[in-house]
Amino acid sequence: MITDCSISTHILDTHLGRPAQNVRVSLYHYSDDEWNCRATEFTNQDGRIKNWSQANSLSFGLYKLVFELTPYWQRQQQAEFFPQAEICFRITDAGHYHIPLLLAPYSYSTYRGS
């Protein structure tokens, strides 16, 4: 286990120019040849998840964030093209991992933030 490791995320709706609020995001860890859900949270008013209440200790390895987008698009009265977005990443050392999602009706992108 890593003691000094944390994961955060945020979603920016680039089409509307504002944070995507109340989006369900699940954090998974890959071990024993399967994906195991470690935590599920909802983005706050700033479109962020800073703390994962159920993921207290992390280990090195492969992780993914799964963003459930259908309810968000329904609230925006926007036809959905991507019902969910999945971002897979690897934790290789202690530190902070910020994984943002830049979202539009027909595209999304990501990068390693700070």
C-alpha atoms as a PDB file:
ATOM      1  CA  MET A   1       0.000   0.000   0.000  1.00  0.00           C
ATOM      2  CA  ILE A   2       0.992   3.608  -0.629  1.00  0.00           C
ATOM      3  CA  THR A   3       0.368   6.018   2.203  1.00  0.00           C
ATOM      4  CA  ASP A   4       1.043   9.303   0.397  1.00  0.00           C
ATOM      5  CA  CYS A   5      -1.080   8.891  -2.704  1.00  0.00           C
ATOM      6  CA  SER A   6      -4.329  10.584  -3.638  1.00  0.00           C
ATOM      7  CA  ILE A   7      -6.592  10.822  -6.674  1.00  0.00           C
ATOM      8  CA  SER A   8      -8.841  13.720  -7.591  1.00  0.00           C
ATOM      9  CA  THR A   9     -10.848  14.602 -10.670  1.00  0.00           C
ATOM     10  CA  HIS A  10     -13.009  17.323 -12.123  1.00  0.00           C
ATOM     11  CA  ILE A  11     -15.263  17.657 -15.135  1.00  0.00           C
ATOM     12  CA  LEU A  12     -15.495  20.782 -17.240  1.00  0.00           C
ATOM     13  CA  ASP A  13     -18.288  20.965 -19.787  1.00  0.00           C
ATOM     14  CA  THR A  14     -16.423  22.860 -22.487  1.00  0.00           C
ATOM     15  CA  HIS A  15     -19.598  23.242 -24.564  1.00  0.00           C
ATOM     16  CA  LEU A  16     -21.319  25.225 -21.804  1.00  0.00           C
ATOM     17  CA  GLY A  17     -18.142  26.635 -20.246  1.00  0.00           C
ATOM     18  CA  ARG A  18     -18.951  25.449 -16.726  1.00  0.00           C
ATOM     19  CA  PRO A  19     -18.292  22.561 -14.332  1.00  0.00           C
ATOM     20  CA  ALA A  20     -20.383  19.409 -14.670  1.00  0.00           C
ATOM     21  CA  GLN A  21     -22.155  18.987 -11.337  1.00  0.00           C
ATOM     22  CA  ASN A  22     -23.628  15.865  -9.764  1.00  0.00           C
ATOM     23  CA  VAL A  23     -21.963  13.354 -12.107  1.00  0.00           C
ATOM     24  CA  ARG A  24     -21.431   9.876 -10.710  1.00  0.00           C
ATOM     25  CA  VAL A  25     -17.805   8.742 -10.950  1.00  0.00           C
ATOM     26  CA  SER A  26     -16.467   5.358  -9.888  1.00  0.00           C
ATOM     27  CA  LEU A  27     -12.835   4.528  -9.135  1.00  0.00           C
ATOM     28  CA  TYR A  28     -11.668   1.024 -10.079  1.00  0.00           C
ATOM     29  CA  HIS A  29      -8.420  -0.835  -9.394  1.00  0.00           C
ATOM     30  CA  TYR A  30      -7.251  -3.731 -11.556  1.00  0.00           C
ATOM     31  CA  SER A  31      -6.055  -6.736  -9.556  1.00  0.00           C
ATOM     32  CA  ASP A  32      -6.351 -10.499  -9.803  1.00  0.00           C
ATOM     33  CA  ASP A  33      -7.334 -10.176 -13.480  1.00  0.00           C
ATOM     34  CA  GLU A  34     -10.446  -8.098 -12.799  1.00  0.00           C
ATOM     35  CA  TRP A  35     -11.598  -4.543 -12.160  1.00  0.00           C
ATOM     36  CA  ASN A  36     -12.656  -3.910  -8.552  1.00  0.00           C
ATOM     37  CA  CYS A  37     -14.679  -0.841  -7.627  1.00  0.00           C
ATOM     38  CA  ARG A  38     -12.917   1.003  -4.804  1.00  0.00           C
ATOM     39  CA  ALA A  39     -15.228   4.008  -4.474  1.00  0.00           C
ATOM     40  CA  THR A  40     -18.103   5.921  -6.042  1.00  0.00           C
ATOM     41  CA  GLU A  41     -18.709   9.647  -5.564  1.00  0.00           C
ATOM     42  CA  PHE A  42     -20.598  12.509  -7.234  1.00  0.00           C
ATOM     43  CA  THR A  43     -18.982  15.702  -8.491  1.00  0.00           C
ATOM     44  CA  ASN A  44     -19.665  18.770  -6.359  1.00  0.00           C
ATOM     45  CA  GLN A  45     -20.811  22.265  -7.450  1.00  0.00           C
ATOM     46  CA  ASP A  46     -17.350  22.903  -8.906  1.00  0.00           C
ATOM     47  CA  GLY A  47     -17.487  19.632 -10.848  1.00  0.00           C
ATOM     48  CA  ARG A  48     -14.835  18.136  -8.570  1.00  0.00           C
ATOM     49  CA  ILE A  49     -14.183  15.081  -6.465  1.00  0.00           C
ATOM     50  CA  LYS A  50     -11.320  15.752  -4.085  1.00  0.00           C
ATOM     51  CA  ASN A  51     -11.710  12.895  -1.630  1.00  0.00           C
ATOM     52  CA  TRP A  52     -12.785   9.312  -2.227  1.00  0.00           C
ATOM     53  CA  SER A  53     -14.409   8.290   1.037  1.00  0.00           C
ATOM     54  CA  GLN A  54     -14.113   4.562   0.381  1.00  0.00           C
ATOM     55  CA  ALA A  55     -10.576   4.528  -1.080  1.00  0.00           C
ATOM     56  CA  ASN A  56      -8.376   5.172   1.934  1.00  0.00           C
ATOM     57  CA  SER A  57      -5.281   3.246   0.867  1.00  0.00           C
ATOM     58  CA  LEU A  58      -4.038   2.817  -2.664  1.00  0.00           C
ATOM     59  CA  SER A  59      -1.395   0.567  -4.151  1.00  0.00           C
ATOM     60  CA  PHE A  60       0.723   0.810  -7.270  1.00  0.00           C
ATOM     61  CA  GLY A  61      -0.975  -0.410 -10.388  1.00  0.00           C
ATOM     62  CA  LEU A  62      -3.679   0.146 -12.933  1.00  0.00           C
ATOM     63  CA  TYR A  63      -6.755   2.275 -12.139  1.00  0.00           C
ATOM     64  CA  LYS A  64      -9.660   3.719 -14.056  1.00  0.00           C
ATOM     65  CA  LEU A  65     -12.300   6.364 -13.526  1.00  0.00           C
ATOM     66  CA  VAL A  66     -15.722   5.686 -15.022  1.00  0.00           C
ATOM     67  CA  PHE A  67     -17.881   8.776 -15.545  1.00  0.00           C
ATOM     68  CA  GLU A  68     -21.641   8.083 -15.862  1.00  0.00           C
ATOM     69  CA  LEU A  69     -22.724  10.784 -18.323  1.00  0.00           C
ATOM     70  CA  THR A  70     -26.286   9.874 -19.360  1.00  0.00           C
ATOM     71  CA  PRO A  71     -28.024  11.601 -16.405  1.00  0.00           C
ATOM     72  CA  TYR A  72     -25.851  14.697 -16.919  1.00  0.00           C
ATOM     73  CA  TRP A  73     -26.781  14.967 -20.605  1.00  0.00           C
ATOM     74  CA  GLN A  74     -30.443  14.432 -19.762  1.00  0.00           C
ATOM     75  CA  ARG A  75     -30.341  17.334 -17.284  1.00  0.00           C
ATOM     76  CA  GLN A  76     -28.785  19.514 -20.018  1.00  0.00           C
ATOM     77  CA  GLN A  77     -31.495  18.397 -22.474  1.00  0.00           C
ATOM     78  CA  GLN A  78     -28.667  17.326 -24.734  1.00  0.00           C
ATOM     79  CA  ALA A  79     -28.683  14.155 -26.821  1.00  0.00           C
ATOM     80  CA  GLU A  80     -26.017  11.805 -25.563  1.00  0.00           C
ATOM     81  CA  PHE A  81     -23.364  10.337 -27.788  1.00  0.00           C
ATOM     82  CA  PHE A  82     -21.057   9.049 -25.040  1.00  0.00           C
ATOM     83  CA  PRO A  83     -23.158   7.515 -22.226  1.00  0.00           C
ATOM     84  CA  GLN A  84     -19.995   7.130 -20.187  1.00  0.00           C
ATOM     85  CA  ALA A  85     -16.321   7.987 -20.334  1.00  0.00           C
ATOM     86  CA  GLU A  86     -13.571   5.769 -19.023  1.00  0.00           C
ATOM     87  CA  ILE A  87     -10.068   6.971 -18.231  1.00  0.00           C
ATOM     88  CA  CYS A  88      -7.466   4.340 -17.467  1.00  0.00           C
ATOM     89  CA  PHE A  89      -4.179   5.319 -15.787  1.00  0.00           C
ATOM     90  CA  ARG A  90      -1.284   3.816 -13.841  1.00  0.00           C
ATOM     91  CA  ILE A  91      -0.038   4.757 -10.368  1.00  0.00           C
ATOM     92  CA  THR A  92       3.718   4.276 -10.285  1.00  0.00           C
ATOM     93  CA  ASP A  93       4.766   6.290  -7.235  1.00  0.00           C
ATOM     94  CA  ALA A  94       3.447   8.194  -4.255  1.00  0.00           C
ATOM     95  CA  GLY A  95       1.965  11.611  -4.908  1.00  0.00           C
ATOM     96  CA  HIS A  96      -1.164  13.299  -6.120  1.00  0.00           C
ATOM     97  CA  TYR A  97      -2.894  12.149  -9.297  1.00  0.00           C
ATOM     98  CA  HIS A  98      -5.375  14.647 -10.733  1.00  0.00           C
ATOM     99  CA  ILE A  99      -7.349  13.243 -13.666  1.00  0.00           C
ATOM    100  CA  PRO A 100      -9.642  15.864 -15.279  1.00  0.00           C
ATOM    101  CA  LEU A 101     -12.278  15.257 -17.931  1.00  0.00           C
ATOM    102  CA  LEU A 102     -12.974  17.934 -20.556  1.00  0.00           C
ATOM    103  CA  LEU A 103     -16.419  17.176 -21.891  1.00  0.00           C
ATOM    104  CA  ALA A 104     -18.472  18.200 -24.937  1.00  0.00           C
ATOM    105  CA  PRO A 105     -21.535  16.586 -26.523  1.00  0.00           C
ATOM    106  CA  TYR A 106     -19.504  14.703 -29.147  1.00  0.00           C
ATOM    107  CA  SER A 107     -16.023  14.546 -27.644  1.00  0.00           C
ATOM    108  CA  TYR A 108     -14.011  14.312 -24.463  1.00  0.00           C
ATOM    109  CA  SER A 109     -10.350  14.533 -23.526  1.00  0.00           C
ATOM    110  CA  THR A 110      -8.124  14.264 -20.505  1.00  0.00           C
ATOM    111  CA  TYR A 111      -4.617  14.917 -19.232  1.00  0.00           C
ATOM    112  CA  ARG A 112      -2.654  14.517 -16.007  1.00  0.00           C
ATOM    113  CA  GLY A 113      -3.337  17.642 -14.008  1.00  0.00           C
ATOM    114  CA  SER A 114      -1.656  18.960 -10.901  1.00  0.00           C
END
